[in-house]
Amino acid sequence: IRRAADMPALVQCAADVRALSHSLVAQGVAAGHLTRMISSLNDQIAVRILELTAPAHDLSGLALCWLGMGSEGRGEQTIATDQDNGLIFVTNDENIAPDAIRERLLPFARAVNEAMDRCGYPLCKGGVMAMNPRWCASLDEWKAAFANWIDRGDPVSLLTACVFFDFR
């Protein structure tokens, strides 16, 4: 996975991970061990996608953190898992509005999400992905969102908080 030179090679790596996973299920490997292994390999694929995608985008002057959430965040991914992710950013220039930074980052996030889809990790039907402007946010915006979910405490807020509390 780490030596994959391009997306076609990474797509093949992801297919190999799924084939290995199916084989291990057939051999009776315990579910806990299997989900941790799948999650670890999927993490490596996600990191390599980020590494291969980043050079084609202007990310200069930004500090970024890609978030894996849901089953990925818990390290409990299965053979068939979709994407739940987000992006946190900060900038060295306090005069640049978060919307301007988000505009720069959304094409990068979309490229990563689409590459993950090509590798067999379907797009999240609920839209919990970094390419969604709602989940590509500044650190202050993320802090405000978490505080809002906790303070409101309604069923939708609590469900949303549950997805996002499982982040890495």
C-alpha atoms as a PDB file:
ATOM      1  CA  ILE A   1       0.000   0.000   0.000  1.00  0.00           C
ATOM      2  CA  ARG A   2       2.732   2.467   0.951  1.00  0.00           C
ATOM      3  CA  ARG A   3       4.575   1.807  -2.302  1.00  0.00           C
ATOM      4  CA  ALA A   4       1.503   2.292  -4.526  1.00  0.00           C
ATOM      5  CA  ALA A   5       2.702   4.796  -7.119  1.00  0.00           C
ATOM      6  CA  ASP A   6      -0.710   5.817  -8.429  1.00  0.00           C
ATOM      7  CA  MET A   7      -4.453   5.338  -8.020  1.00  0.00           C
ATOM      8  CA  PRO A   8      -4.739   2.195 -10.204  1.00  0.00           C
ATOM      9  CA  ALA A   9      -2.163   0.501  -7.978  1.00  0.00           C
ATOM     10  CA  LEU A  10      -4.061   1.611  -4.883  1.00  0.00           C
ATOM     11  CA  VAL A  11      -7.367   0.349  -6.331  1.00  0.00           C
ATOM     12  CA  GLN A  12      -5.674  -3.044  -6.716  1.00  0.00           C
ATOM     13  CA  CYS A  13      -4.376  -2.893  -3.147  1.00  0.00           C
ATOM     14  CA  ALA A  14      -7.901  -2.228  -1.863  1.00  0.00           C
ATOM     15  CA  ALA A  15      -9.216  -5.182  -3.891  1.00  0.00           C
ATOM     16  CA  ASP A  16      -6.465  -7.333  -2.374  1.00  0.00           C
ATOM     17  CA  VAL A  17      -7.510  -6.233   1.137  1.00  0.00           C
ATOM     18  CA  ARG A  18     -11.106  -7.276   0.421  1.00  0.00           C
ATOM     19  CA  ALA A  19      -9.972 -10.637  -0.993  1.00  0.00           C
ATOM     20  CA  LEU A  20      -7.779 -11.247   2.057  1.00  0.00           C
ATOM     21  CA  SER A  21     -10.664 -10.294   4.337  1.00  0.00           C
ATOM     22  CA  HIS A  22     -13.041 -12.726   2.619  1.00  0.00           C
ATOM     23  CA  SER A  23     -10.429 -15.469   2.942  1.00  0.00           C
ATOM     24  CA  LEU A  24      -9.946 -14.794   6.652  1.00  0.00           C
ATOM     25  CA  VAL A  25     -13.711 -14.828   7.254  1.00  0.00           C
ATOM     26  CA  ALA A  26     -13.872 -18.211   5.512  1.00  0.00           C
ATOM     27  CA  GLN A  27     -11.085 -19.464   7.796  1.00  0.00           C
ATOM     28  CA  GLY A  28     -13.045 -18.411  10.873  1.00  0.00           C
ATOM     29  CA  VAL A  29     -10.870 -15.541  12.100  1.00  0.00           C
ATOM     30  CA  ALA A  30     -12.513 -13.809  15.071  1.00  0.00           C
ATOM     31  CA  ALA A  31     -14.562 -10.748  14.193  1.00  0.00           C
ATOM     32  CA  GLY A  32     -12.664  -8.405  16.515  1.00  0.00           C
ATOM     33  CA  HIS A  33      -9.289  -9.313  15.034  1.00  0.00           C
ATOM     34  CA  LEU A  34     -10.666  -9.084  11.510  1.00  0.00           C
ATOM     35  CA  THR A  35     -12.258  -5.647  11.923  1.00  0.00           C
ATOM     36  CA  ARG A  36      -9.086  -4.220  13.476  1.00  0.00           C
ATOM     37  CA  MET A  37      -6.983  -5.622  10.619  1.00  0.00           C
ATOM     38  CA  ILE A  38      -9.380  -4.306   7.969  1.00  0.00           C
ATOM     39  CA  SER A  39      -9.433  -0.904   9.682  1.00  0.00           C
ATOM     40  CA  SER A  40      -5.646  -0.763   9.851  1.00  0.00           C
ATOM     41  CA  LEU A  41      -5.256  -1.604   6.163  1.00  0.00           C
ATOM     42  CA  ASN A  42      -8.035   0.815   5.205  1.00  0.00           C
ATOM     43  CA  ASP A  43      -6.269   3.534   7.216  1.00  0.00           C
ATOM     44  CA  GLN A  44      -3.095   2.924   5.233  1.00  0.00           C
ATOM     45  CA  ILE A  45      -5.050   3.147   1.972  1.00  0.00           C
ATOM     46  CA  ALA A  46      -6.646   6.422   3.098  1.00  0.00           C
ATOM     47  CA  VAL A  47      -3.246   7.867   4.045  1.00  0.00           C
ATOM     48  CA  ARG A  48      -1.807   6.898   0.670  1.00  0.00           C
ATOM     49  CA  ILE A  49      -4.800   8.432  -1.130  1.00  0.00           C
ATOM     50  CA  LEU A  50      -4.180  11.670   0.764  1.00  0.00           C
ATOM     51  CA  GLU A  51      -0.484  11.561  -0.131  1.00  0.00           C
ATOM     52  CA  LEU A  52      -1.178  10.935  -3.810  1.00  0.00           C
ATOM     53  CA  THR A  53      -3.942  13.553  -4.029  1.00  0.00           C
ATOM     54  CA  ALA A  54      -2.397  16.428  -2.066  1.00  0.00           C
ATOM     55  CA  PRO A  55       0.286  17.501  -4.595  1.00  0.00           C
ATOM     56  CA  ALA A  56      -2.385  18.362  -7.183  1.00  0.00           C
ATOM     57  CA  HIS A  57      -4.021  20.910  -4.836  1.00  0.00           C
ATOM     58  CA  ASP A  58      -2.968  24.192  -3.231  1.00  0.00           C
ATOM     59  CA  LEU A  59      -2.733  23.323   0.446  1.00  0.00           C
ATOM     60  CA  SER A  60       0.102  25.738   1.226  1.00  0.00           C
ATOM     61  CA  GLY A  61      -0.142  27.759   4.408  1.00  0.00           C
ATOM     62  CA  LEU A  62      -2.743  25.441   5.928  1.00  0.00           C
ATOM     63  CA  ALA A  63      -2.627  22.950   8.745  1.00  0.00           C
ATOM     64  CA  LEU A  64      -5.057  20.125   8.020  1.00  0.00           C
ATOM     65  CA  CYS A  65      -6.390  17.094   9.802  1.00  0.00           C
ATOM     66  CA  TRP A  66      -8.347  14.403   7.967  1.00  0.00           C
ATOM     67  CA  LEU A  67     -10.875  12.791  10.306  1.00  0.00           C
ATOM     68  CA  GLY A  68     -12.010   9.192  10.062  1.00  0.00           C
ATOM     69  CA  MET A  69     -15.326   8.764  11.860  1.00  0.00           C
ATOM     70  CA  GLY A  70     -17.955   6.138  12.585  1.00  0.00           C
ATOM     71  CA  SER A  71     -16.700   2.565  12.185  1.00  0.00           C
ATOM     72  CA  GLU A  72     -13.403   3.884  10.816  1.00  0.00           C
ATOM     73  CA  GLY A  73     -12.907   6.067  13.871  1.00  0.00           C
ATOM     74  CA  ARG A  74     -13.682   3.143  16.167  1.00  0.00           C
ATOM     75  CA  GLY A  75     -11.356   0.821  14.231  1.00  0.00           C
ATOM     76  CA  GLU A  76     -14.285  -1.509  13.525  1.00  0.00           C
ATOM     77  CA  GLN A  77     -14.554  -1.517   9.752  1.00  0.00           C
ATOM     78  CA  THR A  78     -15.912  -4.563   7.981  1.00  0.00           C
ATOM     79  CA  ILE A  79     -15.477  -5.842   4.446  1.00  0.00           C
ATOM     80  CA  ALA A  80     -18.315  -3.609   3.232  1.00  0.00           C
ATOM     81  CA  THR A  81     -17.820  -0.166   4.729  1.00  0.00           C
ATOM     82  CA  ASP A  82     -18.716   3.285   3.473  1.00  0.00           C
ATOM     83  CA  GLN A  83     -17.019   6.593   4.111  1.00  0.00           C
ATOM     84  CA  ASP A  84     -17.533   8.786   7.168  1.00  0.00           C
ATOM     85  CA  ASN A  85     -14.911  11.519   7.214  1.00  0.00           C
ATOM     86  CA  GLY A  86     -14.278  15.198   7.651  1.00  0.00           C
ATOM     87  CA  LEU A  87     -11.566  17.804   7.430  1.00  0.00           C
ATOM     88  CA  ILE A  88     -10.369  20.292  10.055  1.00  0.00           C
ATOM     89  CA  PHE A  89      -8.256  23.226   8.984  1.00  0.00           C
ATOM     90  CA  VAL A  90      -6.422  26.173  10.486  1.00  0.00           C
ATOM     91  CA  THR A  91      -4.457  28.881   8.763  1.00  0.00           C
ATOM     92  CA  ASN A  92      -1.532  31.040   9.744  1.00  0.00           C
ATOM     93  CA  ASP A  93      -3.386  34.123   8.473  1.00  0.00           C
ATOM     94  CA  GLU A  94      -6.232  35.211  10.763  1.00  0.00           C
ATOM     95  CA  ASN A  95      -7.466  37.622   8.066  1.00  0.00           C
ATOM     96  CA  ILE A  96      -8.608  34.802   5.778  1.00  0.00           C
ATOM     97  CA  ALA A  97     -12.237  33.780   6.341  1.00  0.00           C
ATOM     98  CA  PRO A  98     -13.049  30.082   6.814  1.00  0.00           C
ATOM     99  CA  ASP A  99     -15.275  30.185   3.705  1.00  0.00           C
ATOM    100  CA  ALA A 100     -12.312  31.186   1.541  1.00  0.00           C
ATOM    101  CA  ILE A 101     -10.209  28.342   2.904  1.00  0.00           C
ATOM    102  CA  ARG A 102     -13.085  25.901   2.525  1.00  0.00           C
ATOM    103  CA  GLU A 103     -13.419  26.934  -1.128  1.00  0.00           C
ATOM    104  CA  ARG A 104      -9.758  25.975  -1.634  1.00  0.00           C
ATOM    105  CA  LEU A 105     -10.122  22.677   0.213  1.00  0.00           C
ATOM    106  CA  LEU A 106     -13.366  21.315  -1.194  1.00  0.00           C
ATOM    107  CA  PRO A 107     -11.851  20.227  -4.549  1.00  0.00           C
ATOM    108  CA  PHE A 108      -9.127  18.389  -2.623  1.00  0.00           C
ATOM    109  CA  ALA A 109     -11.688  16.755  -0.330  1.00  0.00           C
ATOM    110  CA  ARG A 110     -13.856  15.749  -3.312  1.00  0.00           C
ATOM    111  CA  ALA A 111     -10.847  14.221  -5.067  1.00  0.00           C
ATOM    112  CA  VAL A 112      -9.998  12.203  -1.939  1.00  0.00           C
ATOM    113  CA  ASN A 113     -13.604  11.061  -1.431  1.00  0.00           C
ATOM    114  CA  GLU A 114     -13.902  10.050  -5.079  1.00  0.00           C
ATOM    115  CA  ALA A 115     -10.573   8.181  -4.932  1.00  0.00           C
ATOM    116  CA  MET A 116     -11.776   6.326  -1.855  1.00  0.00           C
ATOM    117  CA  ASP A 117     -14.956   5.444  -3.751  1.00  0.00           C
ATOM    118  CA  ARG A 118     -12.845   4.061  -6.627  1.00  0.00           C
ATOM    119  CA  CYS A 119     -10.993   1.950  -4.068  1.00  0.00           C
ATOM    120  CA  GLY A 120     -14.273   0.367  -2.966  1.00  0.00           C
ATOM    121  CA  TYR A 121     -15.304   2.594  -0.064  1.00  0.00           C
ATOM    122  CA  PRO A 122     -18.682   3.940  -1.235  1.00  0.00           C
ATOM    123  CA  LEU A 123     -19.672   7.554  -0.730  1.00  0.00           C
ATOM    124  CA  CYS A 124     -21.713   8.055   2.431  1.00  0.00           C
ATOM    125  CA  LYS A 125     -25.425   8.243   1.596  1.00  0.00           C
ATOM    126  CA  GLY A 126     -25.863  10.623   4.532  1.00  0.00           C
ATOM    127  CA  GLY A 127     -23.212  12.993   3.148  1.00  0.00           C
ATOM    128  CA  VAL A 128     -20.838  12.656   6.107  1.00  0.00           C
ATOM    129  CA  MET A 129     -17.727  13.284   4.051  1.00  0.00           C
ATOM    130  CA  ALA A 130     -15.072  15.975   3.830  1.00  0.00           C
ATOM    131  CA  MET A 131     -16.350  17.052   0.387  1.00  0.00           C
ATOM    132  CA  ASN A 132     -19.538  18.247   2.113  1.00  0.00           C
ATOM    133  CA  PRO A 133     -18.934  21.896   3.120  1.00  0.00           C
ATOM    134  CA  ARG A 134     -20.611  21.145   6.446  1.00  0.00           C
ATOM    135  CA  TRP A 135     -17.851  18.661   7.335  1.00  0.00           C
ATOM    136  CA  CYS A 136     -14.936  20.640   5.918  1.00  0.00           C
ATOM    137  CA  ALA A 137     -14.598  23.197   8.665  1.00  0.00           C
ATOM    138  CA  SER A 138     -12.212  25.295  10.680  1.00  0.00           C
ATOM    139  CA  LEU A 139     -11.233  24.179  14.164  1.00  0.00           C
ATOM    140  CA  ASP A 140     -13.459  26.904  15.631  1.00  0.00           C
ATOM    141  CA  GLU A 141     -16.403  25.760  13.482  1.00  0.00           C
ATOM    142  CA  TRP A 142     -15.931  22.161  14.629  1.00  0.00           C
ATOM    143  CA  LYS A 143     -15.797  23.249  18.282  1.00  0.00           C
ATOM    144  CA  ALA A 144     -19.013  25.247  17.833  1.00  0.00           C
ATOM    145  CA  ALA A 145     -20.752  22.311  16.126  1.00  0.00           C
ATOM    146  CA  PHE A 146     -19.832  19.924  18.955  1.00  0.00           C
ATOM    147  CA  ALA A 147     -20.960  22.424  21.593  1.00  0.00           C
ATOM    148  CA  ASN A 148     -24.262  22.934  19.756  1.00  0.00           C
ATOM    149  CA  TRP A 149     -24.960  19.195  19.539  1.00  0.00           C
ATOM    150  CA  ILE A 150     -24.282  18.747  23.243  1.00  0.00           C
ATOM    151  CA  ASP A 151     -26.255  21.820  24.337  1.00  0.00           C
ATOM    152  CA  ARG A 152     -29.305  21.015  22.182  1.00  0.00           C
ATOM    153  CA  GLY A 153     -29.554  17.370  23.148  1.00  0.00           C
ATOM    154  CA  ASP A 154     -32.388  16.643  20.688  1.00  0.00           C
ATOM    155  CA  PRO A 155     -32.450  13.223  18.946  1.00  0.00           C
ATOM    156  CA  VAL A 156     -30.907  14.480  15.681  1.00  0.00           C
ATOM    157  CA  SER A 157     -28.128  16.328  17.535  1.00  0.00           C
ATOM    158  CA  LEU A 158     -27.379  13.296  19.698  1.00  0.00           C
ATOM    159  CA  LEU A 159     -27.268  10.986  16.672  1.00  0.00           C
ATOM    160  CA  THR A 160     -24.926  13.373  14.864  1.00  0.00           C
ATOM    161  CA  ALA A 161     -22.725  13.658  17.953  1.00  0.00           C
ATOM    162  CA  CYS A 162     -22.500   9.850  18.173  1.00  0.00           C
ATOM    163  CA  VAL A 163     -21.121   9.640  14.622  1.00  0.00           C
ATOM    164  CA  PHE A 164     -18.590  12.389  15.242  1.00  0.00           C
ATOM    165  CA  PHE A 165     -17.486  11.333  18.714  1.00  0.00           C
ATOM    166  CA  ASP A 166     -16.035   8.209  17.131  1.00  0.00           C
ATOM    167  CA  PHE A 167     -13.374  10.198  15.291  1.00  0.00           C
ATOM    168  CA  ARG A 168      -9.665   9.673  14.856  1.00  0.00           C
END
